[in-house]
Each structure stands twice: as structure tokens, then as C-alpha cells.
């Protein structure tokens, strides 16, 4: 047998709600079943949205109208980024590309609507505060590429100008310099 508070936690923890909403539901539940003799309270210092059930179905995020959340799924391949006021395009999630080949394909596949992001744009996706299912990128919106954690940017490095580009490694949360004949994955951004 559990306490009323533990019963409430166990009853609602599997719902796809934020921790703040979870505690509100638990508080209401405990007040009801104890005839208002117990009133749970919490103290926290959270600075970002948090949920115990972080593997939301992407279709749920499609209808996410929370204006405080940075991303919103528009479809299975397109994500609105409210911070940058751009859209991200997921391109063949389990493929990796040589830099020269992807430049050609981007124009053919996206009709010049999308481009490779700069190192600053792609680095803005790194979530330093927490680790998701794979690396430090919001896996609710950006699914894992099973072949690599490294993603191309359009930014040249100062070494071997034109032959090296910056890549963002989402598993390590770092920028890396790579030759253009190395392979990496691709997330595109709107122009």
C-alpha cells in the first residue's frame, strides 16, 4: 500500500505532461482522496520544460501549441524553430553524405528552399542542460541517425580553406573540423 502522494505520482507519471502539470494533478488527487487533510507542495529550480515521459510521439508535438517551446513539428520531416524563425528539414535520417554530393542534392531535392546551416545555426540545436535519447539534441524532434552523430554545416574552417568544413557532433556537443571527403549526416534549414 502506498501513501496518497505516491499513489498520485504512480497514477499520473505515465501521462504525456510536464512535471509542473504532473505535480498539479497529484496535488488535486491527494486533496480529493484525503478530504483536504493533506496538501502536497513542491519546491523546484527548473529553468527548462521537463517531463518524465520524454519519448512523445512526434504527432503529439505536431499539435503542440505551447508558445514557450522552441520547436513545433509541421510534419514528419519539417520542424519550425521559433527561436531562429526558420524551419529545419530532416533529410533521409539514416544516410550520411560527402559534402560535395550533398550540395548538389540539396538544390535538386528542396527546390532551393533549404540550405546547409551555418555552424552557429546548427550549434544552436545543442542542448547543454540535458541529454536526450541520443546526444544533446532534442530527440522529440530530431531523430537519431544510426550511422553518425556528426552533421555538416556550410561554414568553412580556417585550415585548408574550401577543403574543410565545420561539423557539429551532437553526441559530444562540440564543433569539429573535417575534410569535405568525410561523410556526415544532414539537417537542412530554410533560406
Protein backbone atom coordinates (compact mmCIF):
# COMPACT_ATOMS: atom_id res chain seq x y z
CA UNK A 1 0.00 0.00 0.00
CA UNK A 2 1.28 3.45 -0.93
CA UNK A 3 0.79 6.89 0.54
CA UNK A 4 -1.78 9.12 -1.21
CA UNK A 5 1.06 11.17 -2.71
CA UNK A 6 2.85 8.09 -4.10
CA UNK A 7 -0.46 6.77 -5.43
CA UNK A 8 -0.97 10.08 -7.24
CA UNK A 9 2.53 10.02 -8.72
CA UNK A 10 2.08 6.43 -9.91
CA UNK A 11 -1.34 7.23 -11.34
CA UNK A 12 -0.23 10.21 -13.47
CA UNK A 13 3.50 9.70 -14.19
CA UNK A 14 2.83 7.90 -17.49
CA UNK A 15 0.82 10.77 -18.94
CA UNK A 16 2.49 12.93 -21.54
CA UNK A 17 2.52 16.08 -19.43
CA UNK A 18 5.16 18.40 -17.99
CA UNK A 19 6.42 17.86 -14.44
CA UNK A 20 4.61 21.04 -13.34
CA UNK A 21 1.31 19.67 -14.65
CA UNK A 22 2.09 16.29 -13.04
CA UNK A 23 2.52 17.90 -9.62
CA UNK A 24 -0.71 19.90 -10.03
CA UNK A 25 -2.67 16.73 -10.87
CA UNK A 26 -1.08 14.85 -7.95
CA UNK A 27 -1.88 17.71 -5.56
CA UNK A 28 -5.51 17.78 -6.69
CA UNK A 29 -5.72 13.97 -6.40
CA UNK A 30 -4.27 13.93 -2.86
CA UNK A 31 -6.59 16.74 -1.72
CA UNK A 32 -9.58 14.79 -3.06
CA UNK A 33 -8.76 11.38 -1.56
CA UNK A 34 -7.70 12.79 1.84
CA UNK A 35 -10.70 15.16 2.12
CA UNK A 36 -8.23 18.06 2.04
CA UNK A 37 -6.30 16.87 5.12
CA UNK A 38 -3.09 16.55 3.10
CA UNK A 39 -1.83 19.16 0.65
CA UNK A 40 1.40 18.26 -1.15
CA UNK A 41 3.73 21.05 -2.21
CA UNK A 42 6.99 21.19 -4.10
CA UNK A 43 9.98 23.49 -4.42
CA UNK A 44 11.99 23.46 -7.61
CA UNK A 45 14.53 25.45 -9.54
CA UNK A 46 13.78 24.12 -13.02
CA UNK A 47 14.67 26.50 -15.82
CA UNK A 48 13.51 24.34 -18.74
CA UNK A 49 10.44 22.30 -19.54
CA UNK A 50 10.77 18.76 -18.16
CA UNK A 51 8.71 15.60 -18.40
CA UNK A 52 9.30 12.07 -17.15
CA UNK A 53 7.79 10.73 -20.36
CA UNK A 54 10.24 12.32 -22.84
CA UNK A 55 9.53 9.92 -25.73
CA UNK A 56 6.50 11.80 -27.03
CA UNK A 57 5.03 10.67 -30.28
CA UNK A 58 6.03 13.28 -32.87
CA UNK A 59 2.36 13.56 -33.86
CA UNK A 60 1.63 14.85 -30.35
CA UNK A 61 4.27 17.53 -30.85
CA UNK A 62 2.62 18.46 -34.14
CA UNK A 63 -0.27 19.89 -32.18
CA UNK A 64 1.90 21.45 -29.50
CA UNK A 65 0.62 24.98 -29.12
CA UNK A 66 2.91 25.84 -26.22
CA UNK A 67 4.37 29.19 -27.24
CA UNK A 68 7.25 28.77 -24.78
CA UNK A 69 8.59 25.69 -26.53
CA UNK A 70 11.22 26.35 -29.20
CA UNK A 71 10.22 23.66 -31.72
CA UNK A 72 6.98 22.60 -33.36
CA UNK A 73 6.64 19.69 -35.79
CA UNK A 74 4.97 20.73 -39.02
CA UNK A 75 5.17 17.21 -40.48
CA UNK A 76 7.46 14.16 -40.12
CA UNK A 77 10.35 15.93 -41.84
CA UNK A 78 9.85 19.63 -41.07
CA UNK A 79 10.30 21.42 -37.74
CA UNK A 80 9.51 25.06 -37.03
CA UNK A 81 12.22 26.77 -34.94
CA UNK A 82 10.61 29.70 -33.13
CA UNK A 83 13.95 30.93 -31.80
CA UNK A 84 15.59 31.29 -35.22
CA UNK A 85 12.32 31.94 -37.09
CA UNK A 86 13.32 29.25 -39.62
CA UNK A 87 12.29 25.71 -40.46
CA UNK A 88 14.53 22.65 -40.24
CA UNK A 89 14.26 19.80 -42.76
CA UNK A 90 15.30 16.26 -41.85
CA UNK A 91 16.83 14.69 -44.93
CA UNK A 92 16.94 10.86 -45.11
CA UNK A 93 17.68 10.38 -41.42
CA UNK A 94 19.84 7.24 -41.69
CA UNK A 95 22.02 8.36 -44.58
CA UNK A 96 25.40 10.04 -44.49
CA UNK A 97 26.78 12.25 -47.24
CA UNK A 98 30.02 13.55 -48.66
CA UNK A 99 29.99 17.34 -48.61
CA UNK A 100 30.23 17.81 -52.41
CA UNK A 101 27.43 15.32 -53.09
CA UNK A 102 25.02 16.83 -50.60
CA UNK A 103 25.45 20.34 -52.01
CA UNK A 104 24.23 19.07 -55.41
CA UNK A 105 21.33 17.09 -53.94
CA UNK A 106 20.04 19.92 -51.74
CA UNK A 107 19.17 22.07 -54.73
CA UNK A 108 17.51 19.17 -56.56
CA UNK A 109 15.55 17.89 -53.56
CA UNK A 110 14.40 21.12 -51.98
CA UNK A 111 13.97 23.44 -54.98
CA UNK A 112 16.37 25.93 -53.36
CA UNK A 113 14.10 26.42 -50.34
CA UNK A 114 16.60 24.89 -47.90
CA UNK A 115 20.36 25.06 -47.40
CA UNK A 116 23.03 23.68 -45.09
CA UNK A 117 23.03 25.56 -41.78
CA UNK A 118 25.96 27.65 -40.58
CA UNK A 119 27.95 26.35 -37.63
CA UNK A 120 26.18 28.88 -35.40
CA UNK A 121 22.71 27.81 -36.54
CA UNK A 122 23.41 24.10 -36.14
CA UNK A 123 25.21 24.60 -32.82
CA UNK A 124 22.10 26.35 -31.51
CA UNK A 125 20.39 22.93 -31.50
CA UNK A 126 22.81 21.61 -28.87
CA UNK A 127 21.02 21.31 -25.53
CA UNK A 128 23.76 21.64 -22.94
CA UNK A 129 21.40 21.29 -19.99
CA UNK A 130 20.33 17.71 -20.61
CA UNK A 131 20.97 14.55 -22.52
CA UNK A 132 18.22 13.18 -24.75
CA UNK A 133 17.83 9.71 -26.27
CA UNK A 134 20.89 10.34 -28.40
CA UNK A 135 23.36 13.09 -27.71
CA UNK A 136 22.45 16.61 -26.76
CA UNK A 137 19.76 17.42 -29.28
CA UNK A 138 16.01 17.32 -28.75
CA UNK A 139 15.20 13.79 -29.91
CA UNK A 140 11.48 14.55 -29.71
CA UNK A 141 12.00 16.50 -32.93
CA UNK A 142 15.36 15.39 -34.38
CA UNK A 143 15.53 11.58 -34.62
CA UNK A 144 18.81 9.72 -34.30
CA UNK A 145 20.92 8.92 -37.33
CA UNK A 146 22.10 5.36 -36.64
CA UNK A 147 25.35 5.89 -38.56
CA UNK A 148 26.78 9.07 -37.04
CA UNK A 149 26.35 11.92 -34.56
CA UNK A 150 28.19 14.36 -36.88
CA UNK A 151 26.27 16.80 -39.07
CA UNK A 152 27.52 19.07 -41.87
CA UNK A 153 27.48 22.86 -41.69
CA UNK A 154 28.10 25.26 -44.56
CA UNK A 155 30.86 27.02 -42.60
CA UNK A 156 34.46 26.84 -43.81
CA UNK A 157 37.26 26.36 -41.31
CA UNK A 158 40.40 28.48 -41.41
CA UNK A 159 42.50 25.38 -42.17
CA UNK A 160 42.68 24.24 -45.80
CA UNK A 161 40.06 26.80 -46.83
CA UNK A 162 37.48 25.18 -49.13
CA UNK A 163 38.61 21.64 -48.26
CA UNK A 164 37.47 21.54 -44.64
CA UNK A 165 34.08 22.33 -43.11
CA UNK A 166 32.75 22.52 -39.59
CA UNK A 167 30.59 19.66 -38.35
CA UNK A 168 28.54 19.60 -35.17
CA UNK A 169 28.92 16.40 -33.16
CA UNK A 170 25.71 16.07 -31.16
CA UNK A 171 26.99 13.15 -29.06
CA UNK A 172 29.93 15.20 -27.78
CA UNK A 173 28.30 18.65 -28.08
CA UNK A 174 31.31 20.06 -29.92
CA UNK A 175 32.31 21.58 -33.24
CA UNK A 176 34.78 19.52 -35.26
CA UNK A 177 36.81 20.31 -38.39
CA UNK A 178 36.51 17.69 -41.13
CA UNK A 179 37.70 17.30 -44.69
CA UNK A 180 34.94 17.57 -47.27
CA UNK A 181 35.58 13.96 -48.33
CA UNK A 182 34.48 12.75 -44.87
CA UNK A 183 30.87 11.61 -44.55
CA UNK A 184 28.32 13.12 -42.16
CA UNK A 185 24.58 13.42 -41.76
CA UNK A 186 22.46 16.39 -42.82
CA UNK A 187 19.77 18.58 -41.30
CA UNK A 188 18.78 21.47 -43.56
CA UNK A 189 17.50 24.94 -42.65
CA UNK A 190 15.23 27.28 -44.59
CA UNK A 191 16.76 30.17 -46.52
